[in-house]
C-alpha atoms as a PDB file:
ATOM      1  CA  MET A   1       0.000   0.000   0.000  1.00  0.00           C
ATOM      2  CA  GLY A   2       1.368   3.389  -0.958  1.00  0.00           C
ATOM      3  CA  PRO A   3       1.160   6.715   0.831  1.00  0.00           C
ATOM      4  CA  ARG A   4      -2.248   7.976   1.820  1.00  0.00           C
ATOM      5  CA  PRO A   5      -3.324  10.844  -0.458  1.00  0.00           C
ATOM      6  CA  ASN A   6      -4.495  13.076   2.382  1.00  0.00           C
ATOM      7  CA  LEU A   7      -1.415  12.663   4.564  1.00  0.00           C
ATOM      8  CA  LEU A   8       0.348  15.832   3.451  1.00  0.00           C
ATOM      9  CA  THR A   9      -2.902  17.788   3.763  1.00  0.00           C
ATOM     10  CA  ARG A  10      -3.426  16.464   7.285  1.00  0.00           C
ATOM     11  CA  ARG A  11       0.040  17.480   8.349  1.00  0.00           C
ATOM     12  CA  ALA A  12      -0.146  20.851   6.680  1.00  0.00           C
ATOM     13  CA  ALA A  13      -3.238  21.566   8.752  1.00  0.00           C
ATOM     14  CA  GLY A  14      -1.810  20.059  11.913  1.00  0.00           C
ATOM     15  CA  VAL A  15       1.575  21.768  11.862  1.00  0.00           C
ATOM     16  CA  ALA A  16       0.596  25.078  10.281  1.00  0.00           C
ATOM     17  CA  SER A  17       3.267  26.249   7.837  1.00  0.00           C
ATOM     18  CA  THR A  18       6.018  24.045   9.211  1.00  0.00           C
ATOM     19  CA  THR A  19       7.545  20.885   7.790  1.00  0.00           C
ATOM     20  CA  LEU A  20       9.069  18.200   9.980  1.00  0.00           C
ATOM     21  CA  ALA A  21      12.349  16.431   9.244  1.00  0.00           C
ATOM     22  CA  LEU A  22      12.345  12.892  10.510  1.00  0.00           C
ATOM     23  CA  LEU A  23      15.102  11.562  12.749  1.00  0.00           C
ATOM     24  CA  LEU A  24      14.390   7.882  12.704  1.00  0.00           C
ATOM     25  CA  SER A  25      17.629   6.152  12.674  1.00  0.00           C
ATOM     26  CA  THR A  26      19.761   5.247  15.589  1.00  0.00           C
ATOM     27  CA  ALA A  27      17.551   5.019  18.625  1.00  0.00           C
ATOM     28  CA  ALA A  28      20.025   4.376  21.378  1.00  0.00           C
ATOM     29  CA  VAL A  29      19.218   1.223  23.210  1.00  0.00           C
ATOM     30  CA  GLY A  30      20.181   2.133  26.762  1.00  0.00           C
ATOM     31  CA  VAL A  31      19.090  -1.283  27.997  1.00  0.00           C
ATOM     32  CA  VAL A  32      20.377  -1.545  31.535  1.00  0.00           C
ATOM     33  CA  PRO A  33      18.404  -4.023  33.647  1.00  0.00           C
ATOM     34  CA  ALA A  34      17.322  -3.582  37.220  1.00  0.00           C
ATOM     35  CA  ALA A  35      17.851  -7.312  37.628  1.00  0.00           C
ATOM     36  CA  SER A  36      20.154  -9.803  35.944  1.00  0.00           C
ATOM     37  CA  ALA A  37      17.956 -10.486  32.917  1.00  0.00           C
ATOM     38  CA  PHE A  38      19.923  -8.094  30.678  1.00  0.00           C
ATOM     39  CA  SER A  39      23.386  -8.854  31.974  1.00  0.00           C
ATOM     40  CA  ALA A  40      24.668  -9.459  28.456  1.00  0.00           C
ATOM     41  CA  VAL A  41      23.203  -6.269  26.980  1.00  0.00           C
ATOM     42  CA  PRO A  42      25.425  -3.153  27.004  1.00  0.00           C
ATOM     43  CA  ASP A  43      24.236   0.363  27.811  1.00  0.00           C
ATOM     44  CA  ALA A  44      24.700   1.338  24.175  1.00  0.00           C
ATOM     45  CA  CYS A  45      24.132  -1.189  21.444  1.00  0.00           C
ATOM     46  CA  ALA A  46      27.149  -1.944  19.284  1.00  0.00           C
ATOM     47  CA  GLU A  47      26.582  -3.070  15.718  1.00  0.00           C
ATOM     48  CA  PRO A  48      24.978  -6.500  15.918  1.00  0.00           C
ATOM     49  CA  ALA A  49      26.508  -9.420  14.064  1.00  0.00           C
ATOM     50  CA  ASP A  50      23.177 -10.328  12.470  1.00  0.00           C
ATOM     51  CA  GLY A  51      21.910  -6.816  11.829  1.00  0.00           C
ATOM     52  CA  HIS A  52      21.616  -4.541   8.824  1.00  0.00           C
ATOM     53  CA  ALA A  53      24.285  -1.968   8.050  1.00  0.00           C
ATOM     54  CA  ASN A  54      21.948   0.890   7.229  1.00  0.00           C
ATOM     55  CA  ALA A  55      20.289   3.469   9.440  1.00  0.00           C
ATOM     56  CA  ARG A  56      17.726   6.147   8.809  1.00  0.00           C
ATOM     57  CA  ILE A  57      19.878   9.160   8.137  1.00  0.00           C
ATOM     58  CA  LYS A  58      19.784  12.652   6.682  1.00  0.00           C
ATOM     59  CA  PRO A  59      19.338  12.909   2.907  1.00  0.00           C
ATOM     60  CA  GLY A  60      22.543  12.406   0.952  1.00  0.00           C
ATOM     61  CA  ALA A  61      24.475  10.808   3.818  1.00  0.00           C
ATOM     62  CA  ALA A  62      26.159   7.426   3.774  1.00  0.00           C
ATOM     63  CA  ALA A  63      24.689   4.349   5.472  1.00  0.00           C
ATOM     64  CA  LYS A  64      25.177   4.091   9.219  1.00  0.00           C
ATOM     65  CA  HIS A  65      24.254   1.489  11.811  1.00  0.00           C
ATOM     66  CA  ASP A  66      21.045   1.979  13.773  1.00  0.00           C
ATOM     67  CA  PRO A  67      21.567   1.218  17.479  1.00  0.00           C
ATOM     68  CA  ASN A  68      17.868   0.435  17.920  1.00  0.00           C
ATOM     69  CA  GLU A  69      18.205  -2.598  15.707  1.00  0.00           C
ATOM     70  CA  LEU A  70      18.920  -5.408  18.141  1.00  0.00           C
ATOM     71  CA  THR A  71      20.527  -8.801  17.840  1.00  0.00           C
ATOM     72  CA  ALA A  72      18.356 -11.884  18.229  1.00  0.00           C
ATOM     73  CA  GLN A  73      19.929 -12.455  21.649  1.00  0.00           C
ATOM     74  CA  GLN A  74      19.123  -8.919  22.787  1.00  0.00           C
ATOM     75  CA  VAL A  75      15.513  -9.348  21.692  1.00  0.00           C
ATOM     76  CA  ARG A  76      15.237 -12.619  23.635  1.00  0.00           C
ATOM     77  CA  GLU A  77      16.618 -10.908  26.740  1.00  0.00           C
ATOM     78  CA  ARG A  78      14.300  -7.929  26.344  1.00  0.00           C
ATOM     79  CA  GLU A  79      11.245 -10.155  25.879  1.00  0.00           C
ATOM     80  CA  ALA A  80      12.181 -12.228  28.933  1.00  0.00           C
ATOM     81  CA  ASP A  81      12.560  -9.050  30.951  1.00  0.00           C
ATOM     82  CA  LEU A  82       9.186  -7.773  29.772  1.00  0.00           C
ATOM     83  CA  THR A  83       7.579 -10.988  31.003  1.00  0.00           C
ATOM     84  CA  ALA A  84       9.371 -10.655  34.337  1.00  0.00           C
ATOM     85  CA  ALA A  85       8.400  -6.990  34.639  1.00  0.00           C
ATOM     86  CA  GLN A  86       4.738  -7.820  33.936  1.00  0.00           C
ATOM     87  CA  ARG A  87       4.787 -10.474  36.643  1.00  0.00           C
ATOM     88  CA  GLU A  88       6.463  -8.089  39.073  1.00  0.00           C
ATOM     89  CA  ARG A  89       3.955  -5.311  38.438  1.00  0.00           C
ATOM     90  CA  ALA A  90       1.007  -7.717  38.639  1.00  0.00           C
ATOM     91  CA  ASN A  91       2.154  -8.787  42.090  1.00  0.00           C
ATOM     92  CA  PHE A  92       2.572  -5.137  43.087  1.00  0.00           C
ATOM     93  CA  ARG A  93      -0.927  -4.241  41.914  1.00  0.00           C
ATOM     94  CA  THR A  94      -2.460  -7.191  43.709  1.00  0.00           C
ATOM     95  CA  GLY A  95      -0.891  -6.076  46.972  1.00  0.00           C
ATOM     96  CA  ALA A  96      -1.468  -2.341  46.540  1.00  0.00           C
ATOM     97  CA  GLY A  97      -4.891  -2.461  44.942  1.00  0.00           C
ATOM     98  CA  ALA A  98      -3.650  -0.521  41.897  1.00  0.00           C
ATOM     99  CA  THR A  99      -4.972  -1.209  38.403  1.00  0.00           C
ATOM    100  CA  ALA A 100      -3.320  -1.209  35.023  1.00  0.00           C
ATOM    101  CA  LEU A 101      -3.833   1.949  32.959  1.00  0.00           C
ATOM    102  CA  ALA A 102      -5.936   1.897  29.799  1.00  0.00           C
ATOM    103  CA  THR A 103      -5.118   5.445  28.665  1.00  0.00           C
ATOM    104  CA  VAL A 104      -2.036   7.525  29.327  1.00  0.00           C
ATOM    105  CA  THR A 105      -1.124  11.200  29.075  1.00  0.00           C
ATOM    106  CA  VAL A 106       2.644  11.452  28.737  1.00  0.00           C
ATOM    107  CA  PRO A 107       4.307  14.615  30.090  1.00  0.00           C
ATOM    108  CA  VAL A 108       6.969  15.833  27.655  1.00  0.00           C
ATOM    109  CA  VAL A 109      10.023  17.946  28.430  1.00  0.00           C
ATOM    110  CA  VAL A 110      11.997  19.170  25.408  1.00  0.00           C
ATOM    111  CA  HIS A 111      15.660  20.132  25.738  1.00  0.00           C
ATOM    112  CA  VAL A 112      16.931  22.268  22.851  1.00  0.00           C
ATOM    113  CA  ILE A 113      20.713  21.902  22.673  1.00  0.00           C
ATOM    114  CA  GLN A 114      22.308  24.897  20.962  1.00  0.00           C
ATOM    115  CA  GLU A 115      25.801  25.811  19.879  1.00  0.00           C
ATOM    116  CA  ASN A 116      24.801  29.472  19.800  1.00  0.00           C
ATOM    117  CA  SER A 117      21.721  31.664  19.411  1.00  0.00           C
ATOM    118  CA  THR A 118      21.409  31.262  15.641  1.00  0.00           C
ATOM    119  CA  ARG A 119      19.096  28.879  13.794  1.00  0.00           C
ATOM    120  CA  ALA A 120      22.188  27.281  12.219  1.00  0.00           C
ATOM    121  CA  GLY A 121      23.501  26.784  15.737  1.00  0.00           C
ATOM    122  CA  GLY A 122      20.410  24.875  16.861  1.00  0.00           C
ATOM    123  CA  ASN A 123      18.129  27.684  18.040  1.00  0.00           C
ATOM    124  CA  ILE A 124      14.841  26.464  16.574  1.00  0.00           C
ATOM    125  CA  PRO A 125      11.582  28.302  17.365  1.00  0.00           C
ATOM    126  CA  ASP A 126       9.011  27.062  19.853  1.00  0.00           C
ATOM    127  CA  SER A 127       6.491  26.706  17.016  1.00  0.00           C
ATOM    128  CA  MET A 128       8.436  23.756  15.608  1.00  0.00           C
ATOM    129  CA  ILE A 129       8.260  21.991  18.964  1.00  0.00           C
ATOM    130  CA  THR A 130       4.537  22.545  19.487  1.00  0.00           C
ATOM    131  CA  SER A 131       3.954  21.294  15.944  1.00  0.00           C
ATOM    132  CA  GLN A 132       5.936  18.142  16.726  1.00  0.00           C
ATOM    133  CA  ILE A 133       3.714  17.461  19.721  1.00  0.00           C
ATOM    134  CA  SER A 134       0.694  17.885  17.434  1.00  0.00           C
ATOM    135  CA  VAL A 135       2.153  15.316  15.012  1.00  0.00           C
ATOM    136  CA  LEU A 136       2.727  12.853  17.865  1.00  0.00           C
ATOM    137  CA  ASN A 137      -0.826  13.243  19.093  1.00  0.00           C
ATOM    138  CA  GLN A 138      -2.302  12.727  15.637  1.00  0.00           C
ATOM    139  CA  ALA A 139      -0.156   9.660  14.947  1.00  0.00           C
ATOM    140  CA  TYR A 140      -0.798   7.983  18.302  1.00  0.00           C
ATOM    141  CA  ALA A 141      -4.537   8.775  18.184  1.00  0.00           C
ATOM    142  CA  GLY A 142      -4.848   6.992  14.850  1.00  0.00           C
ATOM    143  CA  ALA A 143      -5.893  10.241  13.178  1.00  0.00           C
ATOM    144  CA  THR A 144      -3.618   9.604  10.193  1.00  0.00           C
ATOM    145  CA  GLY A 145      -5.283   6.276   9.406  1.00  0.00           C
ATOM    146  CA  GLY A 146      -3.707   3.704  11.696  1.00  0.00           C
ATOM    147  CA  ALA A 147      -4.826   2.115  14.945  1.00  0.00           C
ATOM    148  CA  ALA A 148      -5.554   4.393  17.880  1.00  0.00           C
ATOM    149  CA  THR A 149      -3.170   3.850  20.777  1.00  0.00           C
ATOM    150  CA  ALA A 150      -3.590   4.617  24.475  1.00  0.00           C
ATOM    151  CA  PHE A 151      -1.231   7.598  24.377  1.00  0.00           C
ATOM    152  CA  THR A 152      -1.523  11.362  24.228  1.00  0.00           C
ATOM    153  CA  PHE A 153       1.373  13.770  24.758  1.00  0.00           C
ATOM    154  CA  ARG A 154       1.389  16.981  26.801  1.00  0.00           C
ATOM    155  CA  LEU A 155       4.202  19.497  26.387  1.00  0.00           C
ATOM    156  CA  ASP A 156       5.171  20.572  29.895  1.00  0.00           C
ATOM    157  CA  SER A 157       8.271  22.677  29.228  1.00  0.00           C
ATOM    158  CA  ILE A 158      10.969  23.697  26.761  1.00  0.00           C
ATOM    159  CA  ASN A 159      14.480  23.946  28.144  1.00  0.00           C
ATOM    160  CA  ARG A 160      17.054  25.783  26.031  1.00  0.00           C
ATOM    161  CA  VAL A 161      20.730  25.095  26.692  1.00  0.00           C
ATOM    162  CA  THR A 162      23.636  26.749  24.897  1.00  0.00           C
ATOM    163  CA  ASN A 163      26.636  24.458  25.312  1.00  0.00           C
ATOM    164  CA  PRO A 164      29.068  23.989  22.392  1.00  0.00           C
ATOM    165  CA  SER A 165      30.609  20.955  24.122  1.00  0.00           C
ATOM    166  CA  TRP A 166      27.289  19.110  23.707  1.00  0.00           C
ATOM    167  CA  TYR A 167      26.846  20.202  20.083  1.00  0.00           C
ATOM    168  CA  PRO A 168      26.517  18.217  17.944  1.00  0.00           C
ATOM    169  CA  ILE A 169      25.038  15.454  20.098  1.00  0.00           C
ATOM    170  CA  VAL A 170      27.341  12.462  19.585  1.00  0.00           C
ATOM    171  CA  TYR A 171      25.706   9.080  20.076  1.00  0.00           C
ATOM    172  CA  GLY A 172      27.274   7.026  22.881  1.00  0.00           C
ATOM    173  CA  SER A 173      29.730   9.755  23.898  1.00  0.00           C
ATOM    174  CA  SER A 174      30.660  10.969  27.362  1.00  0.00           C
ATOM    175  CA  ALA A 175      29.216  14.338  26.338  1.00  0.00           C
ATOM    176  CA  GLU A 176      25.839  12.724  25.614  1.00  0.00           C
ATOM    177  CA  ARG A 177      25.904  11.010  28.997  1.00  0.00           C
ATOM    178  CA  SER A 178      26.823  14.279  30.707  1.00  0.00           C
ATOM    179  CA  MET A 179      24.067  16.148  28.858  1.00  0.00           C
ATOM    180  CA  LYS A 180      21.386  13.666  29.844  1.00  0.00           C
ATOM    181  CA  SER A 181      22.477  13.236  33.459  1.00  0.00           C
ATOM    182  CA  SER A 182      22.515  17.035  33.839  1.00  0.00           C
ATOM    183  CA  LEU A 183      19.221  17.765  32.112  1.00  0.00           C
ATOM    184  CA  ARG A 184      16.838  14.823  32.450  1.00  0.00           C
ATOM    185  CA  VAL A 185      13.822  15.484  34.670  1.00  0.00           C
ATOM    186  CA  GLY A 186      10.802  13.503  35.862  1.00  0.00           C
ATOM    187  CA  GLY A 187      10.145   9.849  36.470  1.00  0.00           C
ATOM    188  CA  LYS A 188       9.923   6.891  34.104  1.00  0.00           C
ATOM    189  CA  ASN A 189       6.636   8.265  32.758  1.00  0.00           C
ATOM    190  CA  THR A 190       8.199  11.571  31.595  1.00  0.00           C
ATOM    191  CA  LEU A 191       9.375  11.743  28.006  1.00  0.00           C
ATOM    192  CA  ASN A 192      12.564  13.780  27.721  1.00  0.00           C
ATOM    193  CA  ILE A 193      13.375  14.788  24.136  1.00  0.00           C
ATOM    194  CA  TYR A 194      16.814  16.179  23.254  1.00  0.00           C
ATOM    195  CA  LEU A 195      17.031  18.225  20.052  1.00  0.00           C
ATOM    196  CA  GLY A 196      20.107  19.414  18.190  1.00  0.00           C
ATOM    197  CA  GLU A 197      22.523  18.607  15.399  1.00  0.00           C
ATOM    198  CA  LEU A 198      23.475  14.915  15.589  1.00  0.00           C
ATOM    199  CA  SER A 199      26.606  12.916  14.901  1.00  0.00           C
ATOM    200  CA  ASP A 200      27.102  10.691  11.844  1.00  0.00           C
ATOM    201  CA  ASP A 201      24.243  12.306   9.912  1.00  0.00           C
ATOM    202  CA  LEU A 202      21.766  10.408  12.070  1.00  0.00           C
ATOM    203  CA  LEU A 203      18.133  11.401  12.354  1.00  0.00           C
ATOM    204  CA  GLY A 204      17.611  10.176  15.924  1.00  0.00           C
ATOM    205  CA  TRP A 205      17.773   7.452  18.541  1.00  0.00           C
ATOM    206  CA  ALA A 206      15.897   6.420  21.688  1.00  0.00           C
ATOM    207  CA  THR A 207      16.096   4.218  24.744  1.00  0.00           C
ATOM    208  CA  PHE A 208      13.872   1.216  25.264  1.00  0.00           C
ATOM    209  CA  PRO A 209      12.022   1.039  28.614  1.00  0.00           C
ATOM    210  CA  GLN A 210      13.605  -0.726  31.554  1.00  0.00           C
ATOM    211  CA  ARG A 211      12.657  -1.496  35.134  1.00  0.00           C
ATOM    212  CA  LYS A 212      15.215   0.834  36.710  1.00  0.00           C
ATOM    213  CA  LEU A 213      15.189   4.437  35.515  1.00  0.00           C
ATOM    214  CA  SER A 214      18.405   5.450  33.772  1.00  0.00           C
ATOM    215  CA  SER A 215      19.559   9.035  33.291  1.00  0.00           C
ATOM    216  CA  ALA A 216      19.965   8.080  29.612  1.00  0.00           C
ATOM    217  CA  ASP A 217      16.217   7.493  29.258  1.00  0.00           C
ATOM    218  CA  GLY A 218      14.604   9.479  26.458  1.00  0.00           C
ATOM    219  CA  VAL A 219      14.628  10.373  22.772  1.00  0.00           C
ATOM    220  CA  VAL A 220      17.279  12.237  20.785  1.00  0.00           C
ATOM    221  CA  ALA A 221      16.212  13.821  17.493  1.00  0.00           C
ATOM    222  CA  LEU A 222      17.662  16.058  14.835  1.00  0.00           C
ATOM    223  CA  SER A 223      16.222  19.499  15.480  1.00  0.00           C
ATOM    224  CA  GLU A 224      15.757  20.120  11.763  1.00  0.00           C
ATOM    225  CA  SER A 225      13.496  17.056  11.631  1.00  0.00           C
ATOM    226  CA  LEU A 226      10.774  18.989  13.402  1.00  0.00           C
ATOM    227  CA  PRO A 227       8.047  20.895  11.537  1.00  0.00           C
ATOM    228  CA  GLY A 228       9.758  23.732   9.739  1.00  0.00           C
ATOM    229  CA  GLY A 229      13.000  21.768   9.489  1.00  0.00           C
ATOM    230  CA  THR A 230      15.238  21.240   6.504  1.00  0.00           C
ATOM    231  CA  ALA A 231      15.615  17.436   6.237  1.00  0.00           C
ATOM    232  CA  THR A 232      14.060  16.782   2.854  1.00  0.00           C
ATOM    233  CA  ASN A 233      11.567  13.875   2.828  1.00  0.00           C
ATOM    234  CA  TYR A 234      11.915  13.507   6.598  1.00  0.00           C
ATOM    235  CA  ASN A 235      10.346  16.789   7.614  1.00  0.00           C
ATOM    236  CA  GLN A 236       6.787  15.954   8.624  1.00  0.00           C
ATOM    237  CA  GLY A 237       7.451  14.863  12.203  1.00  0.00           C
ATOM    238  CA  ASP A 238       7.576  11.110  11.977  1.00  0.00           C
ATOM    239  CA  THR A 239      11.157  10.742  13.118  1.00  0.00           C
ATOM    240  CA  GLY A 240       9.729  11.793  16.444  1.00  0.00           C
ATOM    241  CA  THR A 241       6.838   9.372  16.008  1.00  0.00           C
ATOM    242  CA  HIS A 242       9.251   6.533  15.232  1.00  0.00           C
ATOM    243  CA  GLU A 243      11.664   7.227  18.087  1.00  0.00           C
ATOM    244  CA  VAL A 244       8.870   7.565  20.644  1.00  0.00           C
ATOM    245  CA  GLY A 245       7.695   4.163  19.399  1.00  0.00           C
ATOM    246  CA  HIS A 246      11.028   2.717  20.514  1.00  0.00           C
ATOM    247  CA  TRP A 247      10.700   4.538  23.861  1.00  0.00           C
ATOM    248  CA  LEU A 248       7.355   2.752  24.235  1.00  0.00           C
ATOM    249  CA  ASN A 249       8.971  -0.635  23.443  1.00  0.00           C
ATOM    250  CA  LEU A 250       8.389  -1.116  19.727  1.00  0.00           C
ATOM    251  CA  TYR A 251      11.045  -2.677  17.503  1.00  0.00           C
ATOM    252  CA  HIS A 252      11.545  -1.917  13.821  1.00  0.00           C
ATOM    253  CA  THR A 253       9.127  -3.702  11.514  1.00  0.00           C
ATOM    254  CA  PHE A 254      12.136  -5.431   9.924  1.00  0.00           C
ATOM    255  CA  GLN A 255      13.602  -6.612  13.255  1.00  0.00           C
ATOM    256  CA  GLY A 256      14.676 -10.237  12.821  1.00  0.00           C
ATOM    257  CA  GLY A 257      14.022 -10.238   9.073  1.00  0.00           C
ATOM    258  CA  CYS A 258      11.801 -12.989   7.687  1.00  0.00           C
ATOM    259  CA  GLY A 259      12.389 -15.522  10.447  1.00  0.00           C
ATOM    260  CA  GLY A 260      11.802 -16.015  14.149  1.00  0.00           C
ATOM    261  CA  SER A 261       9.566 -13.693  16.143  1.00  0.00           C
ATOM    262  CA  GLY A 262      10.368 -10.635  14.017  1.00  0.00           C
ATOM    263  CA  ASP A 263       9.251  -7.468  15.800  1.00  0.00           C
ATOM    264  CA  SER A 264       7.227  -9.486  18.358  1.00  0.00           C
ATOM    265  CA  VAL A 265       3.954  -8.097  16.933  1.00  0.00           C
ATOM    266  CA  SER A 266       1.739 -10.549  15.075  1.00  0.00           C
ATOM    267  CA  ASP A 267      -0.085  -8.122  12.779  1.00  0.00           C
ATOM    268  CA  THR A 268       2.953  -6.463  11.175  1.00  0.00           C
ATOM    269  CA  PRO A 269       3.961  -8.583   8.157  1.00  0.00           C
ATOM    270  CA  ALA A 270       7.519  -9.896   8.157  1.00  0.00           C
ATOM    271  CA  GLU A 271      10.047  -7.728   6.331  1.00  0.00           C
ATOM    272  CA  ALA A 272      13.547  -8.818   5.332  1.00  0.00           C
ATOM    273  CA  SER A 273      15.193  -5.387   5.484  1.00  0.00           C
ATOM    274  CA  PRO A 274      14.382  -1.707   5.947  1.00  0.00           C
ATOM    275  CA  ALA A 275      12.270  -0.022   3.283  1.00  0.00           C
ATOM    276  CA  TYR A 276      13.400   3.360   1.963  1.00  0.00           C
ATOM    277  CA  GLN A 277      11.525   6.061   0.041  1.00  0.00           C
ATOM    278  CA  CYS A 278       8.058   4.547  -0.615  1.00  0.00           C
ATOM    279  CA  PRO A 279       8.384   1.230  -2.503  1.00  0.00           C
ATOM    280  CA  THR A 280       4.702   0.405  -3.070  1.00  0.00           C
ATOM    281  CA  GLY A 281       4.076  -3.329  -3.377  1.00  0.00           C
ATOM    282  CA  ARG A 282       7.398  -4.356  -1.848  1.00  0.00           C
ATOM    283  CA  ASP A 283       7.309  -7.957  -0.578  1.00  0.00           C
ATOM    284  CA  THR A 284      10.589  -9.338   0.761  1.00  0.00           C
ATOM    285  CA  CYS A 285       9.322 -12.332   2.792  1.00  0.00           C
ATOM    286  CA  SER A 286       7.312 -15.393   1.801  1.00  0.00           C
ATOM    287  CA  ALA A 287       4.968 -14.981   4.773  1.00  0.00           C
ATOM    288  CA  THR A 288       1.518 -13.496   4.171  1.00  0.00           C
ATOM    289  CA  GLY A 289       1.322  -9.772   3.589  1.00  0.00           C
ATOM    290  CA  LEU A 290       3.264  -7.083   1.747  1.00  0.00           C
ATOM    291  CA  ASP A 291       6.047  -5.278   3.573  1.00  0.00           C
ATOM    292  CA  PRO A 292       4.637  -2.767   6.102  1.00  0.00           C
ATOM    293  CA  ILE A 293       6.168   0.252   4.388  1.00  0.00           C
ATOM    294  CA  THR A 294       3.457   2.584   5.729  1.00  0.00           C
ATOM    295  CA  ASN A 295       4.190   1.650   9.339  1.00  0.00           C
ATOM    296  CA  PHE A 296       5.788   4.282  11.565  1.00  0.00           C
ATOM    297  CA  MET A 297       8.464   1.769  12.605  1.00  0.00           C
ATOM    298  CA  ASP A 298       9.922   1.312   9.111  1.00  0.00           C
ATOM    299  CA  TYR A 299      12.433   3.662   7.384  1.00  0.00           C
ATOM    300  CA  THR A 300      10.319   5.129   4.587  1.00  0.00           C
ATOM    301  CA  TYR A 301       9.722   8.801   3.834  1.00  0.00           C
ATOM    302  CA  ASP A 302       7.465  10.666   6.240  1.00  0.00           C
ATOM    303  CA  SER A 303       4.957  11.062   3.420  1.00  0.00           C
ATOM    304  CA  CYS A 304       4.748   7.263   3.098  1.00  0.00           C
ATOM    305  CA  MET A 305       4.175   6.250   6.720  1.00  0.00           C
ATOM    306  CA  TYR A 306       0.939   6.782   8.562  1.00  0.00           C
ATOM    307  CA  GLN A 307       0.089   3.912  10.900  1.00  0.00           C
ATOM    308  CA  PHE A 308       0.586   1.753  13.921  1.00  0.00           C
ATOM    309  CA  THR A 309      -1.231  -1.594  14.026  1.00  0.00           C
ATOM    310  CA  PRO A 310      -3.583  -2.784  16.790  1.00  0.00           C
ATOM    311  CA  GLY A 311      -0.855  -5.227  17.842  1.00  0.00           C
ATOM    312  CA  GLN A 312       1.666  -2.418  18.210  1.00  0.00           C
ATOM    313  CA  ALA A 313      -0.852  -0.373  20.184  1.00  0.00           C
ATOM    314  CA  SER A 314      -1.378  -3.334  22.511  1.00  0.00           C
ATOM    315  CA  ARG A 315       2.355  -3.916  22.916  1.00  0.00           C
ATOM    316  CA  MET A 316       2.948  -0.272  23.848  1.00  0.00           C
ATOM    317  CA  ILE A 317       0.328  -0.128  26.621  1.00  0.00           C
ATOM    318  CA  THR A 318       1.450  -3.525  27.926  1.00  0.00           C
ATOM    319  CA  ALA A 319       5.019  -2.270  28.177  1.00  0.00           C
ATOM    320  CA  TRP A 320       3.871   1.010  29.740  1.00  0.00           C
ATOM    321  CA  ASN A 321       2.070  -0.819  32.535  1.00  0.00           C
ATOM    322  CA  ALA A 322       5.069  -3.097  33.055  1.00  0.00           C
ATOM    323  CA  TYR A 323       7.796  -0.443  32.991  1.00  0.00           C
ATOM    324  CA  ARG A 324       6.627   3.170  33.101  1.00  0.00           C
ATOM    325  CA  ALA A 325       3.328   3.358  35.004  1.00  0.00           C
ATOM    326  CA  ALA A 326       3.578   4.953  38.444  1.00  0.00           C
END
């Protein structure tokens, strides 16, 4: 299935005159367990032996590795930890009388990392940020044509920091760790988004949820991927949509290729490798269904992607109640 005809119109109305450049690529894993289940998984994911070489990157850049693409072993460990976290939270709720959440409003704190006060130095206007929140809310409500999820997003604050030593934001660096440990606010339920120029021409990265809150928790995105940004074909806001999907425990649609458990969601057809641009009719696996090129968790152009599936929506709220609910 190709891009929905009304997608650009929807976004034009939702984000006013801005265009949003999408930072989908290297969502940093940051998988550090509270227990021993993830003992073999590093804080930052190195290139996996059985992974793809490409990442979602800025137009015209060379292929990079995406840290949010996990090895089969890392997926097994994450899935085992999710099961353990569900059991742990179920026991907690039984004792405390608490119930699992069916709908969630996520508080969002945006940190704008600047080299200086110019637009070229990272000083993007507030209007781009509010438009990005609008794009998130439309995508996660199913307003663009996909399944409605449990999540809405509320912008609580914008924090502007001028610090040349943090600019550009370099994935996996000591400067990134220092930035996050200095700036991150809120509990596990608070989405911290870090915006700026990024290393290696990447569009973005995110952490997966974990039982113990890490100062690394959050989403990093190219500031010019927001509405009004300059990343051609990735400037409608869905880098943010994609990276928040990782933060809510979704894998790429092509995770695991054609075999095994894939992305651990039954209603996303198997996909051998990332899809780029908008290759209508692409079918890389023998299993039923064309490649899910219109899914927010693939690598296609923003204009091509418009949906989460019911299975992805279910996986996100399950993970929220296991990891991030108060």
